[in-house]
Amino acid sequence: MKKEVEEQDYMVYNFKWKEIKGEWQTLEVIAHKFYEESDRMVLFKQNGGIFEIPCWSENYSDLGEDWAEKVKKQKNDELETNKEGDAST
């Protein structure tokens, strides 16, 4: 019996960053997370890989409209899921 695996549909956005005296860099990602205890930013790539930026406090970031759309969609999806859960109780 074959089990069908549903492929997740991730929204991709451009994560832009630069060191204080460096050049802007851009990477397409599906998520990012800051680890305060080790001062590093981890970027999660669409292919399942990660990209780590050490010494994050020495960098700047620029998240654009594509990131804002991702956050808006996630929030709407979350609200819709909560509505469905409330309706079944």
Protein backbone atom coordinates (compact mmCIF):
# COMPACT_ATOMS: atom_id res chain seq x y z
CA MET A 1 0.00 0.00 0.00
CA LYS A 2 1.53 3.29 -1.11
CA LYS A 3 1.16 6.24 1.16
CA GLU A 4 0.74 9.51 -0.70
CA VAL A 5 2.80 12.34 0.66
CA GLU A 6 1.28 15.77 0.37
CA GLU A 7 3.87 18.31 -0.69
CA GLN A 8 3.84 21.49 1.39
CA ASP A 9 3.25 24.70 -0.46
CA TYR A 10 5.72 27.19 0.95
CA MET A 11 5.72 30.86 0.14
CA VAL A 12 9.17 31.98 -0.85
CA TYR A 13 10.49 35.47 -0.07
CA ASN A 14 13.77 37.32 -0.46
CA PHE A 15 15.79 37.76 2.70
CA LYS A 16 18.23 40.64 2.20
CA TRP A 17 21.06 41.41 4.60
CA LYS A 18 24.45 43.06 4.78
CA GLU A 19 27.28 43.45 7.19
CA ILE A 20 27.77 46.98 8.49
CA LYS A 21 30.44 47.77 5.87
CA GLY A 22 29.52 45.06 3.38
CA GLU A 23 27.45 44.58 0.26
CA TRP A 24 23.77 43.63 0.26
CA GLN A 25 23.16 39.92 -0.21
CA THR A 26 19.88 38.18 -1.06
CA LEU A 27 18.70 34.62 -0.60
CA GLU A 28 15.29 33.12 -1.43
CA VAL A 29 13.96 31.48 1.73
CA ILE A 30 10.79 29.99 3.19
CA ALA A 31 11.52 31.11 6.77
CA HIS A 32 14.11 32.68 9.04
CA LYS A 33 14.81 32.50 12.76
CA PHE A 34 17.08 34.52 15.07
CA TYR A 35 18.89 32.64 17.85
CA GLU A 36 19.61 35.30 20.45
CA GLU A 37 21.78 33.11 22.71
CA SER A 38 24.31 32.51 19.90
CA ASP A 39 23.69 35.78 17.95
CA ARG A 40 22.99 34.01 14.66
CA MET A 41 20.30 34.18 12.02
CA VAL A 42 19.30 30.93 10.33
CA LEU A 43 17.65 31.07 6.91
CA PHE A 44 15.59 28.08 5.79
CA LYS A 45 15.90 27.38 2.07
CA GLN A 46 13.22 25.93 -0.19
CA ASN A 47 15.27 22.79 -0.88
CA GLY A 48 15.31 21.89 2.82
CA GLY A 49 18.75 23.32 3.50
CA ILE A 50 19.75 26.10 5.84
CA PHE A 51 22.07 29.10 5.61
CA GLU A 52 23.51 30.53 8.79
CA ILE A 53 24.63 34.12 9.34
CA PRO A 54 26.89 34.35 12.42
CA CYS A 55 27.34 37.55 14.46
CA TRP A 56 23.88 38.75 13.43
CA SER A 57 24.14 41.88 15.59
CA GLU A 58 26.74 43.15 13.09
CA ASN A 59 24.27 42.97 10.18
CA TYR A 60 21.28 44.83 8.76
CA SER A 61 18.26 43.23 7.09
CA ASP A 62 15.67 44.42 4.60
CA LEU A 63 12.45 42.42 4.30
CA GLY A 64 10.15 43.55 1.53
CA GLU A 65 6.59 43.24 0.31
CA ASP A 66 6.98 39.52 -0.46
CA TRP A 67 7.75 38.83 3.20
CA ALA A 68 4.79 40.96 4.31
CA GLU A 69 2.50 38.96 1.99
CA LYS A 70 3.79 35.70 3.50
CA VAL A 71 3.04 36.91 7.04
CA LYS A 72 -0.42 38.13 6.02
CA LYS A 73 -1.25 34.78 4.36
CA GLN A 74 -0.01 32.82 7.40
CA LYS A 75 -2.16 34.93 9.72
CA ASN A 76 -5.25 34.51 7.52
CA ASP A 77 -4.65 30.75 7.27
CA GLU A 78 -4.29 30.57 11.06
CA LEU A 79 -7.53 32.50 11.62
CA GLU A 80 -9.34 30.24 9.13
CA THR A 81 -8.04 27.12 10.89
CA ASN A 82 -9.18 28.48 14.26
CA LYS A 83 -12.66 29.24 12.85
CA GLU A 84 -12.95 25.67 11.55
CA GLY A 85 -11.88 24.31 14.93
CA ASP A 86 -14.43 26.47 16.75
CA ALA A 87 -17.20 25.35 14.40
CA SER A 88 -16.58 21.66 15.15
CA THR A 89 -16.87 22.07 18.93
